[in-house]
Amino acid sequence: MILPSDWPSRVEQASPAELPGMIGQLSQAQAAMWARLHRPVPLAAEPQPGTQNEARMVGIGEAATYLRMSTSWMYRNAASIPLATKIGSRWRFSTRGLDKYLRDHQTN
């Protein structure tokens, strides 16, 4: 939902009795947007060998984006993500492991 460009005038023209209802509608829209923002990335179809969807290793930044988490969350939880490995001081994550983590933690 995108607010109409004339929303400030609509607020000014609304009666005091209408304002709580408008605030409620805005709160519902805000809650829906936050829920959408935090929904896991849709799972990709099972990769076929030799295709671009084949599992690959990614760094912590790309893995954080993939899971829609912060990099600090990734560092704290890296050991619990399947097929994650630490090479020296750097974590690497298999995209298959990230998909498995999403499947195991889906709330839909």
N, C-alpha and C. Protein backbone atom coordinates (compact mmCIF):
# COMPACT_ATOMS: atom_id res chain seq x y z
N MET A 1 0.85 -1.18 0.00
CA MET A 1 0.00 0.00 0.00
C MET A 1 0.88 1.23 0.00
N ILE A 2 0.62 2.11 -0.90
CA ILE A 2 1.32 3.39 -0.93
C ILE A 2 0.30 4.45 -0.57
N LEU A 3 0.66 5.31 0.34
CA LEU A 3 -0.26 6.35 0.75
C LEU A 3 -0.53 7.29 -0.42
N PRO A 4 -1.76 7.74 -0.57
CA PRO A 4 -2.04 8.69 -1.64
C PRO A 4 -1.29 10.00 -1.38
N SER A 5 -0.99 10.69 -2.46
CA SER A 5 -0.21 11.92 -2.31
C SER A 5 -0.95 12.99 -1.52
N ASP A 6 -2.27 12.87 -1.45
CA ASP A 6 -3.04 13.88 -0.72
C ASP A 6 -3.33 13.49 0.73
N TRP A 7 -2.57 12.52 1.28
CA TRP A 7 -2.88 12.06 2.63
C TRP A 7 -2.80 13.15 3.69
N PRO A 8 -1.87 14.13 3.59
CA PRO A 8 -1.88 15.17 4.64
C PRO A 8 -3.21 15.94 4.66
N SER A 9 -3.76 16.24 3.48
CA SER A 9 -5.02 16.99 3.47
C SER A 9 -6.18 16.11 3.95
N ARG A 10 -6.11 14.79 3.65
CA ARG A 10 -7.16 13.88 4.15
C ARG A 10 -7.17 13.85 5.68
N VAL A 11 -5.97 13.84 6.26
CA VAL A 11 -5.87 13.85 7.73
C VAL A 11 -6.44 15.15 8.28
N GLU A 12 -6.10 16.26 7.65
CA GLU A 12 -6.59 17.56 8.12
C GLU A 12 -8.11 17.68 7.98
N GLN A 13 -8.67 17.06 6.94
CA GLN A 13 -10.11 17.16 6.69
C GLN A 13 -10.93 16.14 7.49
N ALA A 14 -10.29 15.13 8.03
CA ALA A 14 -11.01 14.09 8.77
C ALA A 14 -11.54 14.64 10.09
N SER A 15 -12.67 14.13 10.48
CA SER A 15 -13.23 14.55 11.77
C SER A 15 -12.47 13.81 12.87
N PRO A 16 -12.47 14.33 14.08
CA PRO A 16 -11.80 13.64 15.18
C PRO A 16 -12.31 12.21 15.37
N ALA A 17 -13.58 11.96 15.06
CA ALA A 17 -14.14 10.61 15.21
C ALA A 17 -13.56 9.64 14.17
N GLU A 18 -13.14 10.15 13.02
CA GLU A 18 -12.58 9.31 11.95
C GLU A 18 -11.10 8.96 12.18
N LEU A 19 -10.40 9.76 12.94
CA LEU A 19 -8.96 9.58 13.10
C LEU A 19 -8.56 8.23 13.71
N PRO A 20 -9.24 7.73 14.77
CA PRO A 20 -8.84 6.42 15.30
C PRO A 20 -8.92 5.31 14.25
N GLY A 21 -9.95 5.33 13.41
CA GLY A 21 -10.08 4.33 12.36
C GLY A 21 -8.95 4.44 11.35
N MET A 22 -8.58 5.67 10.99
CA MET A 22 -7.48 5.89 10.04
C MET A 22 -6.16 5.40 10.65
N ILE A 23 -5.97 5.67 11.93
CA ILE A 23 -4.75 5.22 12.61
C ILE A 23 -4.71 3.70 12.64
N GLY A 24 -5.86 3.06 12.89
CA GLY A 24 -5.93 1.60 12.89
C GLY A 24 -5.56 1.01 11.53
N GLN A 25 -6.07 1.61 10.46
CA GLN A 25 -5.76 1.14 9.11
C GLN A 25 -4.26 1.29 8.83
N LEU A 26 -3.71 2.40 9.25
CA LEU A 26 -2.27 2.63 9.05
C LEU A 26 -1.45 1.63 9.86
N SER A 27 -1.87 1.33 11.07
CA SER A 27 -1.16 0.35 11.90
C SER A 27 -1.22 -1.04 11.29
N GLN A 28 -2.37 -1.42 10.73
CA GLN A 28 -2.49 -2.72 10.07
C GLN A 28 -1.57 -2.79 8.87
N ALA A 29 -1.50 -1.73 8.09
CA ALA A 29 -0.63 -1.71 6.92
C ALA A 29 0.83 -1.80 7.35
N GLN A 30 1.19 -1.09 8.41
CA GLN A 30 2.56 -1.13 8.91
C GLN A 30 2.92 -2.53 9.39
N ALA A 31 2.04 -3.19 10.10
CA ALA A 31 2.30 -4.54 10.58
C ALA A 31 2.47 -5.51 9.41
N ALA A 32 1.64 -5.36 8.38
CA ALA A 32 1.76 -6.23 7.21
C ALA A 32 3.08 -6.00 6.49
N MET A 33 3.52 -4.76 6.42
CA MET A 33 4.80 -4.46 5.77
C MET A 33 5.98 -5.04 6.55
N TRP A 34 5.94 -4.93 7.88
CA TRP A 34 7.03 -5.50 8.69
C TRP A 34 7.06 -7.02 8.55
N ALA A 35 5.87 -7.64 8.54
CA ALA A 35 5.80 -9.09 8.38
C ALA A 35 6.36 -9.51 7.03
N ARG A 36 6.05 -8.77 5.98
CA ARG A 36 6.55 -9.07 4.64
C ARG A 36 8.06 -8.89 4.59
N LEU A 37 8.56 -7.86 5.23
CA LEU A 37 10.00 -7.59 5.24
C LEU A 37 10.78 -8.71 5.91
N HIS A 38 10.20 -9.34 6.92
CA HIS A 38 10.90 -10.37 7.67
C HIS A 38 10.55 -11.80 7.24
N ARG A 39 9.77 -11.94 6.17
CA ARG A 39 9.44 -13.26 5.65
C ARG A 39 10.69 -13.87 5.02
N PRO A 40 10.95 -15.16 5.25
CA PRO A 40 12.13 -15.78 4.65
C PRO A 40 12.11 -15.71 3.13
N VAL A 41 13.28 -15.72 2.55
CA VAL A 41 13.41 -15.75 1.09
C VAL A 41 12.76 -17.04 0.60
N PRO A 42 11.95 -16.98 -0.47
CA PRO A 42 11.33 -18.21 -0.97
C PRO A 42 12.39 -19.24 -1.33
N LEU A 43 12.10 -20.49 -1.03
CA LEU A 43 13.05 -21.56 -1.33
C LEU A 43 13.12 -21.80 -2.82
N ALA A 44 14.32 -21.99 -3.30
CA ALA A 44 14.52 -22.28 -4.72
C ALA A 44 14.16 -23.74 -4.96
N ALA A 45 13.85 -24.05 -6.20
CA ALA A 45 13.60 -25.45 -6.58
C ALA A 45 14.89 -26.24 -6.39
N GLU A 46 14.75 -27.54 -6.21
CA GLU A 46 15.94 -28.39 -6.05
C GLU A 46 16.89 -28.18 -7.22
N PRO A 47 18.16 -27.93 -6.94
CA PRO A 47 19.11 -27.67 -8.01
C PRO A 47 19.37 -28.92 -8.85
N GLN A 48 19.53 -28.74 -10.14
CA GLN A 48 19.88 -29.82 -11.05
C GLN A 48 21.38 -29.75 -11.29
N PRO A 49 22.07 -30.89 -11.28
CA PRO A 49 23.52 -30.88 -11.50
C PRO A 49 23.88 -30.17 -12.81
N GLY A 50 24.92 -29.36 -12.73
CA GLY A 50 25.40 -28.66 -13.91
C GLY A 50 24.63 -27.39 -14.24
N THR A 51 23.66 -27.01 -13.41
CA THR A 51 22.91 -25.78 -13.68
C THR A 51 23.42 -24.68 -12.77
N GLN A 52 22.92 -23.48 -13.02
CA GLN A 52 23.33 -22.34 -12.21
C GLN A 52 22.82 -22.47 -10.77
N ASN A 53 21.76 -23.27 -10.55
CA ASN A 53 21.20 -23.44 -9.21
C ASN A 53 21.97 -24.43 -8.35
N GLU A 54 23.02 -25.00 -8.90
CA GLU A 54 23.80 -25.97 -8.15
C GLU A 54 24.36 -25.30 -6.89
N ALA A 55 24.51 -26.07 -5.81
CA ALA A 55 25.00 -25.52 -4.55
C ALA A 55 26.35 -24.85 -4.75
N ARG A 56 26.54 -23.76 -4.04
CA ARG A 56 27.82 -23.07 -4.07
C ARG A 56 28.10 -22.53 -2.69
N MET A 57 29.32 -22.15 -2.45
CA MET A 57 29.71 -21.61 -1.15
C MET A 57 29.69 -20.08 -1.24
N VAL A 58 29.17 -19.46 -0.20
CA VAL A 58 29.09 -18.00 -0.15
C VAL A 58 29.67 -17.51 1.17
N GLY A 59 30.05 -16.26 1.19
CA GLY A 59 30.58 -15.64 2.39
C GLY A 59 29.48 -15.20 3.34
N ILE A 60 29.88 -14.66 4.46
CA ILE A 60 28.91 -14.32 5.51
C ILE A 60 27.97 -13.20 5.09
N GLY A 61 28.46 -12.24 4.31
CA GLY A 61 27.60 -11.14 3.87
C GLY A 61 26.49 -11.63 2.95
N GLU A 62 26.85 -12.46 1.97
CA GLU A 62 25.84 -12.99 1.05
C GLU A 62 24.89 -13.94 1.77
N ALA A 63 25.41 -14.73 2.70
CA ALA A 63 24.55 -15.64 3.47
C ALA A 63 23.57 -14.83 4.33
N ALA A 64 24.02 -13.74 4.92
CA ALA A 64 23.13 -12.90 5.73
C ALA A 64 22.02 -12.32 4.87
N THR A 65 22.35 -11.87 3.68
CA THR A 65 21.34 -11.34 2.76
C THR A 65 20.36 -12.44 2.38
N TYR A 66 20.86 -13.62 2.10
CA TYR A 66 20.04 -14.76 1.69
C TYR A 66 19.03 -15.12 2.77
N LEU A 67 19.47 -15.09 4.04
CA LEU A 67 18.58 -15.43 5.16
C LEU A 67 17.81 -14.22 5.69
N ARG A 68 18.14 -13.03 5.18
CA ARG A 68 17.56 -11.77 5.65
C ARG A 68 17.85 -11.56 7.13
N MET A 69 19.10 -11.78 7.50
CA MET A 69 19.56 -11.57 8.87
C MET A 69 20.75 -10.61 8.81
N SER A 70 21.14 -10.11 9.97
CA SER A 70 22.31 -9.24 10.02
C SER A 70 23.58 -10.09 10.05
N THR A 71 24.70 -9.48 9.71
CA THR A 71 25.95 -10.24 9.75
C THR A 71 26.31 -10.59 11.20
N SER A 72 25.96 -9.74 12.16
CA SER A 72 26.25 -10.08 13.56
C SER A 72 25.44 -11.31 13.98
N TRP A 73 24.18 -11.42 13.51
CA TRP A 73 23.38 -12.61 13.80
C TRP A 73 24.06 -13.83 13.18
N MET A 74 24.57 -13.69 11.96
CA MET A 74 25.23 -14.80 11.27
C MET A 74 26.45 -15.28 12.06
N TYR A 75 27.27 -14.35 12.54
CA TYR A 75 28.45 -14.75 13.33
C TYR A 75 28.03 -15.51 14.59
N ARG A 76 26.97 -15.03 15.26
CA ARG A 76 26.53 -15.69 16.50
C ARG A 76 25.95 -17.08 16.23
N ASN A 77 25.31 -17.28 15.07
CA ASN A 77 24.58 -18.52 14.80
C ASN A 77 25.20 -19.39 13.71
N ALA A 78 26.36 -19.03 13.23
CA ALA A 78 26.97 -19.75 12.09
C ALA A 78 27.11 -21.24 12.35
N ALA A 79 27.50 -21.61 13.54
CA ALA A 79 27.74 -23.02 13.84
C ALA A 79 26.46 -23.86 13.78
N SER A 80 25.28 -23.22 13.88
CA SER A 80 24.03 -23.97 13.85
C SER A 80 23.45 -24.09 12.45
N ILE A 81 24.09 -23.51 11.47
CA ILE A 81 23.60 -23.56 10.09
C ILE A 81 24.23 -24.74 9.38
N PRO A 82 23.41 -25.61 8.77
CA PRO A 82 23.95 -26.81 8.11
C PRO A 82 24.96 -26.45 7.02
N LEU A 83 25.96 -27.30 6.89
CA LEU A 83 26.99 -27.18 5.87
C LEU A 83 27.77 -25.87 5.92
N ALA A 84 27.84 -25.26 7.10
CA ALA A 84 28.68 -24.08 7.30
C ALA A 84 30.06 -24.56 7.72
N THR A 85 31.07 -23.88 7.25
CA THR A 85 32.42 -24.28 7.61
C THR A 85 33.27 -23.04 7.86
N LYS A 86 34.18 -23.16 8.79
CA LYS A 86 35.06 -22.04 9.10
C LYS A 86 36.42 -22.35 8.51
N ILE A 87 36.88 -21.49 7.67
CA ILE A 87 38.19 -21.63 7.03
C ILE A 87 39.05 -20.49 7.56
N GLY A 88 39.98 -20.84 8.43
CA GLY A 88 40.76 -19.79 9.10
C GLY A 88 39.83 -19.02 10.01
N SER A 89 39.72 -17.71 9.77
CA SER A 89 38.81 -16.90 10.58
C SER A 89 37.52 -16.57 9.83
N ARG A 90 37.36 -17.11 8.63
CA ARG A 90 36.19 -16.78 7.81
C ARG A 90 35.21 -17.94 7.71
N TRP A 91 33.94 -17.59 7.80
CA TRP A 91 32.87 -18.57 7.64
C TRP A 91 32.48 -18.65 6.18
N ARG A 92 32.17 -19.85 5.70
CA ARG A 92 31.64 -20.09 4.36
C ARG A 92 30.38 -20.93 4.52
N PHE A 93 29.38 -20.66 3.69
CA PHE A 93 28.08 -21.31 3.81
C PHE A 93 27.68 -21.90 2.47
N SER A 94 27.21 -23.13 2.49
CA SER A 94 26.67 -23.76 1.30
C SER A 94 25.25 -23.24 1.09
N THR A 95 24.91 -22.92 -0.16
CA THR A 95 23.54 -22.47 -0.42
C THR A 95 22.54 -23.59 -0.11
N ARG A 96 22.94 -24.84 -0.25
CA ARG A 96 22.05 -25.95 0.13
C ARG A 96 21.82 -25.95 1.64
N GLY A 97 22.85 -25.68 2.41
CA GLY A 97 22.70 -25.60 3.86
C GLY A 97 21.80 -24.44 4.27
N LEU A 98 21.92 -23.31 3.57
CA LEU A 98 21.06 -22.16 3.86
C LEU A 98 19.60 -22.50 3.53
N ASP A 99 19.38 -23.20 2.40
CA ASP A 99 18.02 -23.62 2.06
C ASP A 99 17.46 -24.57 3.12
N LYS A 100 18.28 -25.50 3.60
CA LYS A 100 17.85 -26.43 4.64
C LYS A 100 17.51 -25.68 5.92
N TYR A 101 18.34 -24.70 6.29
CA TYR A 101 18.07 -23.91 7.49
C TYR A 101 16.70 -23.20 7.34
N LEU A 102 16.44 -22.62 6.16
CA LEU A 102 15.16 -21.95 5.94
C LEU A 102 13.99 -22.93 6.03
N ARG A 103 14.13 -24.10 5.43
CA ARG A 103 13.06 -25.10 5.50
C ARG A 103 12.79 -25.50 6.96
N ASP A 104 13.86 -25.73 7.72
CA ASP A 104 13.72 -26.17 9.11
C ASP A 104 13.15 -25.09 10.02
N HIS A 105 13.30 -23.82 9.64
CA HIS A 105 12.86 -22.71 10.50
C HIS A 105 11.72 -21.90 9.91
N GLN A 106 11.04 -22.45 8.91
CA GLN A 106 9.92 -21.76 8.30
C GLN A 106 8.75 -21.74 9.27
N THR A 107 8.07 -20.60 9.35
CA THR A 107 6.94 -20.45 10.28
C THR A 107 5.61 -20.36 9.55
N ASN A 108 5.61 -20.49 8.23
CA ASN A 108 4.36 -20.36 7.45
C ASN A 108 3.52 -21.59 7.62
